[in-house]
């Protein structure tokens, strides 16, 4: 996908100012330009990359749900928000060669996909039903 707009590579709105951004999920955001879109597509996979922005940032924000693979360390333990966002930034740099850019994000409940949450709820439901029988 080619981006044909002029977006400031050094500016992002507050997360609350990004239309469609799920504030209850782990997300990563970066300004939108050709190279950043390529990096986001590679680093966010298998999650979709979304284009958003409002009030001077129209179409200039890329965001995605942070893949579960970035939310846990090799030992399976949850990583802190700073480590997760740093790992996402490094992934973008590694995939694109971009050396300087602004990014942002948040880690909520250390889960990006609803599959993880639904699986946990399903297991608890089975345990609860098993206890009642």
Protein backbone atom coordinates (compact mmCIF):
# COMPACT_ATOMS: atom_id res chain seq x y z
CA UNK A 1 0.00 0.00 0.00
CA UNK A 2 1.35 3.40 -0.92
CA UNK A 3 0.68 6.44 1.23
CA UNK A 4 0.17 9.68 -0.70
CA UNK A 5 -0.13 12.23 2.06
CA UNK A 6 2.19 14.45 4.03
CA UNK A 7 2.30 13.43 7.66
CA UNK A 8 4.63 14.76 10.33
CA UNK A 9 7.01 11.94 11.28
CA UNK A 10 7.69 13.54 14.66
CA UNK A 11 4.16 14.08 15.98
CA UNK A 12 1.31 11.95 17.28
CA UNK A 13 -1.90 12.90 19.06
CA UNK A 14 -2.68 11.63 22.54
CA UNK A 15 -3.97 8.08 22.43
CA UNK A 16 -7.43 9.30 23.49
CA UNK A 17 -7.49 11.51 20.37
CA UNK A 18 -7.16 8.62 17.91
CA UNK A 19 -10.59 7.61 16.56
CA UNK A 20 -11.23 3.87 16.69
CA UNK A 21 -8.31 3.09 18.98
CA UNK A 22 -9.46 0.53 21.57
CA UNK A 23 -8.37 2.09 24.86
CA UNK A 24 -8.85 -1.20 26.73
CA UNK A 25 -6.35 -3.12 24.57
CA UNK A 26 -2.58 -3.27 24.08
CA UNK A 27 -1.83 -1.02 21.10
CA UNK A 28 1.14 0.49 19.27
CA UNK A 29 0.96 3.74 17.26
CA UNK A 30 3.31 5.44 14.81
CA UNK A 31 3.02 8.24 12.22
CA UNK A 32 1.88 7.12 8.77
CA UNK A 33 4.28 7.15 5.84
CA UNK A 34 5.38 4.50 3.32
CA UNK A 35 8.23 2.98 5.34
CA UNK A 36 6.33 3.02 8.63
CA UNK A 37 3.39 1.22 7.03
CA UNK A 38 5.72 -1.53 5.79
CA UNK A 39 7.26 -1.90 9.26
CA UNK A 40 3.91 -1.93 11.03
CA UNK A 41 2.57 -4.57 8.65
CA UNK A 42 5.54 -6.83 9.41
CA UNK A 43 5.73 -6.20 13.17
CA UNK A 44 2.00 -6.23 13.91
CA UNK A 45 1.30 -9.49 12.06
CA UNK A 46 -0.95 -11.36 12.39
CA UNK A 47 -2.92 -8.31 13.58
CA UNK A 48 -4.27 -5.72 11.16
CA UNK A 49 -2.72 -2.26 10.78
CA UNK A 50 -5.29 0.55 10.97
CA UNK A 51 -5.05 4.10 9.61
CA UNK A 52 -6.66 6.81 11.71
CA UNK A 53 -6.20 10.32 13.04
CA UNK A 54 -8.28 13.41 13.57
CA UNK A 55 -7.89 17.17 14.16
CA UNK A 56 -4.77 17.79 12.10
CA UNK A 57 -3.69 14.14 12.07
CA UNK A 58 -6.25 12.90 9.51
CA UNK A 59 -4.91 9.66 8.03
CA UNK A 60 -1.55 10.24 9.68
CA UNK A 61 -1.69 7.65 12.47
CA UNK A 62 -1.07 3.93 12.08
CA UNK A 63 -2.05 1.64 14.94
CA UNK A 64 -2.35 -2.04 15.65
CA UNK A 65 -3.05 -4.41 18.48
CA UNK A 66 0.32 -5.52 19.82
CA UNK A 67 0.86 -9.19 18.94
CA UNK A 68 0.91 -11.56 21.90
CA UNK A 69 4.48 -12.56 20.95
CA UNK A 70 5.67 -9.10 22.06
CA UNK A 71 3.78 -9.17 25.36
CA UNK A 72 5.66 -12.07 26.95
CA UNK A 73 9.33 -12.85 27.37
CA UNK A 74 11.06 -16.06 26.35
CA UNK A 75 10.30 -17.46 29.78
CA UNK A 76 6.57 -16.87 29.22
CA UNK A 77 6.35 -14.14 31.86
CA UNK A 78 4.56 -10.87 31.12
CA UNK A 79 6.80 -7.98 30.13
CA UNK A 80 6.51 -4.45 31.45
CA UNK A 81 4.92 -1.81 29.22
CA UNK A 82 8.23 -0.02 28.54
CA UNK A 83 9.87 -3.26 27.38
CA UNK A 84 6.95 -4.17 25.12
CA UNK A 85 6.85 -0.73 23.45
CA UNK A 86 10.64 -0.72 23.09
CA UNK A 87 10.55 -4.16 21.44
CA UNK A 88 7.88 -2.97 18.99
CA UNK A 89 9.99 0.12 18.16
CA UNK A 90 13.06 -2.03 17.58
CA UNK A 91 11.07 -4.32 15.31
CA UNK A 92 10.00 -1.35 13.17
CA UNK A 93 13.62 -0.16 12.96
CA UNK A 94 14.89 -3.64 12.08
CA UNK A 95 12.29 -4.19 9.35
CA UNK A 96 12.57 -0.75 7.73
CA UNK A 97 15.93 0.77 8.52
CA UNK A 98 14.17 3.85 9.92
CA UNK A 99 16.46 5.20 12.62
CA UNK A 100 14.40 8.03 14.11
CA UNK A 101 10.67 8.36 14.59
CA UNK A 102 8.10 8.95 17.30
CA UNK A 103 5.89 6.12 18.52
CA UNK A 104 3.53 5.43 21.35
CA UNK A 105 1.22 2.88 22.79
CA UNK A 106 -0.06 1.16 25.87
CA UNK A 107 -0.16 -2.29 27.39
CA UNK A 108 -3.44 -3.27 29.00
CA UNK A 109 -3.84 -6.56 30.83
CA UNK A 110 -0.92 -7.79 28.73
CA UNK A 111 -3.19 -9.29 26.09
CA UNK A 112 -3.67 -8.10 22.55
CA UNK A 113 -6.02 -10.66 21.15
CA UNK A 114 -9.47 -11.51 22.37
CA UNK A 115 -8.60 -15.18 21.75
CA UNK A 116 -6.42 -15.18 24.87
CA UNK A 117 -9.15 -13.60 26.98
CA UNK A 118 -11.86 -15.88 25.59
CA UNK A 119 -9.72 -18.95 26.17
CA UNK A 120 -9.19 -17.94 29.79
CA UNK A 121 -12.91 -17.32 30.32
CA UNK A 122 -13.71 -20.65 28.66
CA UNK A 123 -11.32 -22.55 30.94
CA UNK A 124 -12.77 -20.89 34.03
CA UNK A 125 -16.28 -21.68 32.84
CA UNK A 126 -15.36 -25.37 32.42
CA UNK A 127 -13.82 -25.43 35.90
CA UNK A 128 -16.90 -23.79 37.41
CA UNK A 129 -19.26 -26.23 35.65
CA UNK A 130 -17.05 -29.14 36.76
CA UNK A 131 -17.28 -28.00 40.36
CA UNK A 132 -21.07 -27.80 40.18
CA UNK A 133 -21.48 -31.31 38.83
